[in-house]
Amino acid sequence: MADKRLRILVAKPGLDGHDRGAKIIARALRDGGFEVIYTGLHQTPEMIAEAAVQEDADAVGLSVLSGAHMTLFPEVMRLLRERGAGEIAVFGGGIIPDDDAVKLKQMGVRQIFTPGASTEDIVKWVRENVAPRT
């Protein structure tokens, strides 16, 4: 269906309690015409992967400020594959050093946005790089 709105799950994995940025991104994506599901704080990778499958998400956006990105991103991706949903695009942002962003992309994370990325850039990237799951 060509007119299907993309469903984007925005999640805050781990113990990080700062979700202002995630809420701003969720609002920007919603304003950009996407369906957005925000899971809230303190989500485990298992909860995120399960929600992505249950919500039939086309993409998962992770916000990680805790420094645990090298554990959390790959674990979410592993769990999505385990649930037969490895085609769900995973992207995210937070305080992520450039070297780690390169490694995450090599692992299959589609894009990393660091502080200073505009909401317009993120919405544009999703629009141009995420396709509806079939």
N, C-alpha and C. Protein backbone atom coordinates (compact mmCIF):
# COMPACT_ATOMS: atom_id res chain seq x y z
N MET A 1 0.85 -1.17 0.00
CA MET A 1 0.00 0.00 0.00
C MET A 1 0.89 1.24 0.00
N ALA A 2 0.89 2.01 -1.05
CA ALA A 2 1.80 3.14 -1.21
C ALA A 2 1.51 4.26 -0.21
N ASP A 3 0.28 4.37 0.27
CA ASP A 3 -0.05 5.47 1.16
C ASP A 3 0.03 5.10 2.63
N LYS A 4 0.58 3.95 2.93
CA LYS A 4 0.71 3.52 4.33
C LYS A 4 1.68 4.46 5.07
N ARG A 5 1.23 4.99 6.18
CA ARG A 5 2.10 5.84 6.99
C ARG A 5 3.12 4.98 7.71
N LEU A 6 4.35 5.43 7.71
CA LEU A 6 5.39 4.70 8.44
C LEU A 6 5.08 4.74 9.93
N ARG A 7 5.34 3.60 10.58
CA ARG A 7 5.18 3.49 12.04
C ARG A 7 6.57 3.45 12.65
N ILE A 8 6.86 4.43 13.49
CA ILE A 8 8.16 4.56 14.10
C ILE A 8 8.01 4.39 15.61
N LEU A 9 8.75 3.44 16.16
CA LEU A 9 8.77 3.24 17.60
C LEU A 9 9.98 4.00 18.15
N VAL A 10 9.75 4.91 19.09
CA VAL A 10 10.83 5.66 19.73
C VAL A 10 10.97 5.13 21.15
N ALA A 11 12.20 4.75 21.51
CA ALA A 11 12.40 4.09 22.80
C ALA A 11 13.63 4.63 23.53
N LYS A 12 13.56 4.56 24.85
CA LYS A 12 14.66 4.93 25.73
C LYS A 12 15.13 3.66 26.46
N PRO A 13 16.13 2.97 25.91
CA PRO A 13 16.59 1.76 26.59
C PRO A 13 17.48 2.08 27.78
N GLY A 14 17.48 1.17 28.73
CA GLY A 14 18.40 1.29 29.86
C GLY A 14 17.87 2.16 30.97
N LEU A 15 18.78 2.56 31.83
CA LEU A 15 18.41 3.24 33.06
C LEU A 15 18.44 4.76 32.95
N ASP A 16 18.82 5.28 31.80
CA ASP A 16 18.87 6.72 31.59
C ASP A 16 17.48 7.32 31.78
N GLY A 17 17.38 8.33 32.62
CA GLY A 17 16.09 8.93 32.92
C GLY A 17 15.80 10.22 32.19
N HIS A 18 16.62 10.57 31.22
CA HIS A 18 16.44 11.82 30.49
C HIS A 18 15.75 11.56 29.16
N ASP A 19 14.49 11.95 29.05
CA ASP A 19 13.75 11.64 27.82
C ASP A 19 13.26 12.86 27.07
N ARG A 20 13.73 14.04 27.43
CA ARG A 20 13.28 15.24 26.73
C ARG A 20 13.60 15.16 25.24
N GLY A 21 14.82 14.76 24.91
CA GLY A 21 15.21 14.65 23.50
C GLY A 21 14.37 13.63 22.76
N ALA A 22 14.11 12.48 23.38
CA ALA A 22 13.31 11.45 22.74
C ALA A 22 11.89 11.97 22.48
N LYS A 23 11.36 12.72 23.42
CA LYS A 23 10.01 13.27 23.24
C LYS A 23 10.00 14.32 22.13
N ILE A 24 11.06 15.11 22.03
CA ILE A 24 11.15 16.11 20.95
C ILE A 24 11.20 15.41 19.60
N ILE A 25 12.00 14.33 19.51
CA ILE A 25 12.10 13.58 18.25
C ILE A 25 10.76 12.93 17.92
N ALA A 26 10.12 12.33 18.92
CA ALA A 26 8.82 11.70 18.69
C ALA A 26 7.82 12.72 18.16
N ARG A 27 7.79 13.89 18.75
CA ARG A 27 6.87 14.95 18.30
C ARG A 27 7.21 15.39 16.88
N ALA A 28 8.49 15.56 16.58
CA ALA A 28 8.91 15.99 15.24
C ALA A 28 8.51 14.95 14.20
N LEU A 29 8.71 13.68 14.52
CA LEU A 29 8.33 12.61 13.59
C LEU A 29 6.81 12.60 13.38
N ARG A 30 6.07 12.76 14.46
CA ARG A 30 4.61 12.81 14.36
C ARG A 30 4.19 14.00 13.50
N ASP A 31 4.78 15.16 13.76
CA ASP A 31 4.47 16.35 12.97
C ASP A 31 4.88 16.18 11.51
N GLY A 32 5.87 15.30 11.28
CA GLY A 32 6.33 15.02 9.92
C GLY A 32 5.43 14.04 9.18
N GLY A 33 4.38 13.56 9.83
CA GLY A 33 3.41 12.71 9.16
C GLY A 33 3.54 11.23 9.45
N PHE A 34 4.43 10.86 10.37
CA PHE A 34 4.60 9.45 10.71
C PHE A 34 3.73 9.09 11.91
N GLU A 35 3.37 7.80 11.99
CA GLU A 35 2.75 7.30 13.21
C GLU A 35 3.88 7.01 14.18
N VAL A 36 3.76 7.49 15.41
CA VAL A 36 4.84 7.34 16.38
C VAL A 36 4.31 6.68 17.64
N ILE A 37 5.06 5.69 18.09
CA ILE A 37 4.77 5.02 19.36
C ILE A 37 5.96 5.32 20.26
N TYR A 38 5.73 5.99 21.38
CA TYR A 38 6.81 6.27 22.34
C TYR A 38 6.64 5.33 23.51
N THR A 39 7.67 4.55 23.80
CA THR A 39 7.55 3.50 24.81
C THR A 39 7.80 3.99 26.23
N GLY A 40 8.36 5.18 26.39
CA GLY A 40 8.64 5.67 27.73
C GLY A 40 10.03 5.29 28.21
N LEU A 41 10.31 5.64 29.44
CA LEU A 41 11.64 5.44 30.03
C LEU A 41 11.88 4.00 30.48
N HIS A 42 13.16 3.70 30.66
CA HIS A 42 13.63 2.47 31.31
C HIS A 42 13.16 1.19 30.62
N GLN A 43 13.26 1.17 29.30
CA GLN A 43 12.84 -0.01 28.54
C GLN A 43 14.02 -0.96 28.37
N THR A 44 13.77 -2.24 28.54
CA THR A 44 14.81 -3.24 28.27
C THR A 44 14.84 -3.50 26.77
N PRO A 45 15.96 -3.99 26.25
CA PRO A 45 15.98 -4.36 24.83
C PRO A 45 14.86 -5.33 24.47
N GLU A 46 14.53 -6.26 25.38
CA GLU A 46 13.46 -7.21 25.14
C GLU A 46 12.12 -6.50 24.99
N MET A 47 11.86 -5.53 25.86
CA MET A 47 10.60 -4.79 25.79
C MET A 47 10.51 -4.01 24.48
N ILE A 48 11.64 -3.43 24.06
CA ILE A 48 11.65 -2.63 22.83
C ILE A 48 11.40 -3.52 21.61
N ALA A 49 12.12 -4.64 21.54
CA ALA A 49 11.95 -5.54 20.39
C ALA A 49 10.52 -6.08 20.34
N GLU A 50 9.99 -6.46 21.48
CA GLU A 50 8.63 -6.99 21.52
C GLU A 50 7.61 -5.93 21.11
N ALA A 51 7.80 -4.69 21.60
CA ALA A 51 6.88 -3.61 21.22
C ALA A 51 6.97 -3.33 19.73
N ALA A 52 8.17 -3.36 19.17
CA ALA A 52 8.33 -3.11 17.73
C ALA A 52 7.57 -4.14 16.91
N VAL A 53 7.64 -5.40 17.33
CA VAL A 53 6.93 -6.46 16.61
C VAL A 53 5.42 -6.30 16.82
N GLN A 54 5.00 -6.11 18.05
CA GLN A 54 3.57 -5.99 18.35
C GLN A 54 2.94 -4.79 17.66
N GLU A 55 3.68 -3.70 17.55
CA GLU A 55 3.16 -2.47 16.94
C GLU A 55 3.36 -2.43 15.44
N ASP A 56 3.96 -3.48 14.88
CA ASP A 56 4.21 -3.55 13.44
C ASP A 56 5.01 -2.33 12.97
N ALA A 57 6.07 -2.01 13.74
CA ALA A 57 6.88 -0.84 13.44
C ALA A 57 7.71 -1.05 12.18
N ASP A 58 7.90 0.03 11.44
CA ASP A 58 8.78 0.03 10.28
C ASP A 58 10.20 0.39 10.69
N ALA A 59 10.32 1.12 11.80
CA ALA A 59 11.64 1.53 12.29
C ALA A 59 11.59 1.69 13.80
N VAL A 60 12.76 1.57 14.41
CA VAL A 60 12.93 1.80 15.84
C VAL A 60 13.99 2.88 15.99
N GLY A 61 13.64 3.95 16.70
CA GLY A 61 14.59 5.00 17.02
C GLY A 61 14.95 4.91 18.49
N LEU A 62 16.23 4.71 18.77
CA LEU A 62 16.69 4.57 20.15
C LEU A 62 17.40 5.84 20.59
N SER A 63 17.11 6.29 21.78
CA SER A 63 17.78 7.44 22.37
C SER A 63 18.59 6.94 23.56
N VAL A 64 19.93 7.07 23.45
CA VAL A 64 20.81 6.54 24.50
C VAL A 64 21.78 7.63 24.93
N LEU A 65 21.67 8.04 26.18
CA LEU A 65 22.59 9.03 26.74
C LEU A 65 23.48 8.42 27.82
N SER A 66 23.26 7.17 28.15
CA SER A 66 23.91 6.55 29.31
C SER A 66 25.32 6.05 29.04
N GLY A 67 25.73 5.99 27.78
CA GLY A 67 27.03 5.42 27.45
C GLY A 67 26.97 3.94 27.15
N ALA A 68 25.80 3.34 27.23
CA ALA A 68 25.65 1.90 27.02
C ALA A 68 25.24 1.57 25.59
N HIS A 69 25.45 2.49 24.67
CA HIS A 69 25.00 2.31 23.28
C HIS A 69 25.61 1.10 22.59
N MET A 70 26.86 0.75 22.92
CA MET A 70 27.52 -0.38 22.25
C MET A 70 26.94 -1.72 22.71
N THR A 71 26.21 -1.71 23.79
CA THR A 71 25.50 -2.91 24.27
C THR A 71 24.04 -2.88 23.84
N LEU A 72 23.39 -1.73 24.03
CA LEU A 72 21.94 -1.65 23.82
C LEU A 72 21.53 -1.74 22.36
N PHE A 73 22.20 -1.01 21.47
CA PHE A 73 21.83 -1.06 20.04
C PHE A 73 21.96 -2.48 19.48
N PRO A 74 23.14 -3.14 19.65
CA PRO A 74 23.26 -4.49 19.09
C PRO A 74 22.27 -5.49 19.71
N GLU A 75 21.96 -5.32 20.98
CA GLU A 75 21.03 -6.25 21.63
C GLU A 75 19.62 -6.08 21.08
N VAL A 76 19.18 -4.85 20.87
CA VAL A 76 17.86 -4.63 20.28
C VAL A 76 17.81 -5.26 18.88
N MET A 77 18.87 -5.06 18.11
CA MET A 77 18.91 -5.62 16.75
C MET A 77 18.90 -7.14 16.79
N ARG A 78 19.65 -7.73 17.71
CA ARG A 78 19.67 -9.20 17.83
C ARG A 78 18.28 -9.73 18.16
N LEU A 79 17.62 -9.07 19.09
CA LEU A 79 16.29 -9.52 19.50
C LEU A 79 15.26 -9.33 18.40
N LEU A 80 15.40 -8.29 17.60
CA LEU A 80 14.50 -8.12 16.45
C LEU A 80 14.69 -9.27 15.47
N ARG A 81 15.95 -9.60 15.17
CA ARG A 81 16.23 -10.73 14.26
C ARG A 81 15.67 -12.03 14.83
N GLU A 82 15.84 -12.22 16.13
CA GLU A 82 15.35 -13.43 16.80
C GLU A 82 13.84 -13.57 16.66
N ARG A 83 13.15 -12.44 16.59
CA ARG A 83 11.69 -12.43 16.46
C ARG A 83 11.24 -12.38 15.01
N GLY A 84 12.17 -12.56 14.08
CA GLY A 84 11.82 -12.55 12.66
C GLY A 84 11.55 -11.17 12.11
N ALA A 85 12.07 -10.15 12.79
CA ALA A 85 11.80 -8.77 12.38
C ALA A 85 13.11 -8.00 12.14
N GLY A 86 14.09 -8.69 11.63
CA GLY A 86 15.39 -8.07 11.39
C GLY A 86 15.37 -6.98 10.34
N GLU A 87 14.30 -6.91 9.56
CA GLU A 87 14.22 -5.87 8.52
C GLU A 87 13.77 -4.52 9.08
N ILE A 88 13.36 -4.48 10.34
CA ILE A 88 12.99 -3.20 10.95
C ILE A 88 14.23 -2.32 11.02
N ALA A 89 14.14 -1.13 10.46
CA ALA A 89 15.28 -0.20 10.48
C ALA A 89 15.52 0.30 11.90
N VAL A 90 16.76 0.24 12.34
CA VAL A 90 17.13 0.76 13.65
C VAL A 90 18.03 1.98 13.44
N PHE A 91 17.63 3.08 14.07
CA PHE A 91 18.44 4.29 14.05
C PHE A 91 18.40 4.88 15.45
N GLY A 92 19.19 5.89 15.69
CA GLY A 92 19.15 6.46 17.02
C GLY A 92 20.10 7.61 17.19
N GLY A 93 20.20 7.99 18.44
CA GLY A 93 21.06 9.11 18.75
C GLY A 93 21.34 9.21 20.21
N GLY A 94 22.13 10.20 20.52
CA GLY A 94 22.52 10.44 21.89
C GLY A 94 23.98 10.86 21.95
N ILE A 95 24.56 10.65 23.09
CA ILE A 95 25.97 10.98 23.29
C ILE A 95 26.77 9.77 22.82
N ILE A 96 27.10 9.75 21.54
CA ILE A 96 27.76 8.59 20.94
C ILE A 96 29.00 9.08 20.19
N PRO A 97 30.18 8.66 20.65
CA PRO A 97 31.41 9.08 19.98
C PRO A 97 31.42 8.63 18.52
N ASP A 98 32.09 9.42 17.67
CA ASP A 98 32.14 9.13 16.23
C ASP A 98 32.63 7.72 15.95
N ASP A 99 33.68 7.26 16.66
CA ASP A 99 34.21 5.91 16.42
C ASP A 99 33.16 4.85 16.71
N ASP A 100 32.39 5.05 17.78
CA ASP A 100 31.32 4.10 18.11
C ASP A 100 30.20 4.15 17.07
N ALA A 101 29.90 5.35 16.58
CA ALA A 101 28.86 5.48 15.55
C ALA A 101 29.25 4.68 14.31
N VAL A 102 30.52 4.74 13.93
CA VAL A 102 31.00 3.97 12.77
C VAL A 102 30.82 2.47 13.04
N LYS A 103 31.19 2.01 14.23
CA LYS A 103 31.05 0.59 14.58
C LYS A 103 29.58 0.16 14.58
N LEU A 104 28.72 1.01 15.13
CA LEU A 104 27.29 0.68 15.16
C LEU A 104 26.73 0.57 13.74
N LYS A 105 27.15 1.47 12.86
CA LYS A 105 26.68 1.39 11.47
C LYS A 105 27.19 0.11 10.81
N GLN A 106 28.41 -0.29 11.13
CA GLN A 106 28.94 -1.54 10.58
C GLN A 106 28.13 -2.74 11.08
N MET A 107 27.54 -2.62 12.26
CA MET A 107 26.70 -3.69 12.82
C MET A 107 25.28 -3.68 12.24
N GLY A 108 24.95 -2.64 11.47
CA GLY A 108 23.64 -2.60 10.85
C GLY A 108 22.72 -1.48 11.32
N VAL A 109 23.17 -0.68 12.29
CA VAL A 109 22.37 0.48 12.68
C VAL A 109 22.36 1.42 11.47
N ARG A 110 21.20 1.85 11.07
CA ARG A 110 21.07 2.62 9.82
C ARG A 110 21.64 4.03 9.91
N GLN A 111 21.44 4.69 11.06
CA GLN A 111 21.94 6.06 11.19
C GLN A 111 22.07 6.42 12.67
N ILE A 112 23.07 7.24 12.97
CA ILE A 112 23.27 7.76 14.32
C ILE A 112 23.23 9.28 14.23
N PHE A 113 22.41 9.88 15.07
CA PHE A 113 22.31 11.33 15.16
C PHE A 113 22.91 11.76 16.50
N THR A 114 23.81 12.70 16.45
CA THR A 114 24.46 13.18 17.67
C THR A 114 23.90 14.55 18.04
N PRO A 115 24.22 15.03 19.24
CA PRO A 115 23.71 16.34 19.64
C PRO A 115 24.02 17.38 18.56
N GLY A 116 23.05 18.21 18.29
CA GLY A 116 23.20 19.22 17.25
C GLY A 116 22.46 18.86 15.98
N ALA A 117 22.10 17.57 15.82
CA ALA A 117 21.29 17.18 14.66
C ALA A 117 19.93 17.86 14.79
N SER A 118 19.44 18.40 13.69
CA SER A 118 18.15 19.08 13.76
C SER A 118 17.02 18.07 13.60
N THR A 119 15.88 18.41 14.16
CA THR A 119 14.72 17.54 14.01
C THR A 119 14.35 17.44 12.53
N GLU A 120 14.55 18.52 11.78
CA GLU A 120 14.26 18.49 10.34
C GLU A 120 15.14 17.46 9.64
N ASP A 121 16.42 17.41 10.02
CA ASP A 121 17.33 16.43 9.40
C ASP A 121 16.89 15.00 9.72
N ILE A 122 16.44 14.78 10.94
CA ILE A 122 16.03 13.43 11.34
C ILE A 122 14.76 13.02 10.59
N VAL A 123 13.78 13.91 10.52
CA VAL A 123 12.54 13.62 9.79
C VAL A 123 12.86 13.35 8.32
N LYS A 124 13.71 14.17 7.73
CA LYS A 124 14.09 14.01 6.33
C LYS A 124 14.79 12.67 6.12
N TRP A 125 15.69 12.30 7.03
CA TRP A 125 16.40 11.03 6.91
C TRP A 125 15.41 9.87 6.96
N VAL A 126 14.48 9.89 7.91
CA VAL A 126 13.50 8.81 8.01
C VAL A 126 12.68 8.74 6.73
N ARG A 127 12.22 9.88 6.25
CA ARG A 127 11.39 9.91 5.05
C ARG A 127 12.13 9.29 3.86
N GLU A 128 13.44 9.55 3.76
CA GLU A 128 14.23 9.10 2.60
C GLU A 128 14.84 7.71 2.76
N ASN A 129 14.90 7.18 3.99
CA ASN A 129 15.65 5.94 4.20
C ASN A 129 14.89 4.80 4.85
N VAL A 130 13.65 5.02 5.22
CA VAL A 130 12.86 3.97 5.86
C VAL A 130 11.68 3.66 4.95
N ALA A 131 11.53 2.39 4.63
CA ALA A 131 10.42 1.95 3.79
C ALA A 131 9.46 1.13 4.63
N PRO A 132 8.18 1.14 4.26
CA PRO A 132 7.21 0.29 4.99
C PRO A 132 7.61 -1.18 4.89
N ARG A 133 7.45 -1.90 5.97
CA ARG A 133 7.69 -3.34 5.96
C ARG A 133 6.59 -4.01 5.16
N THR A 134 6.94 -5.05 4.44
CA THR A 134 5.92 -5.75 3.65
C THR A 134 5.42 -6.97 4.36
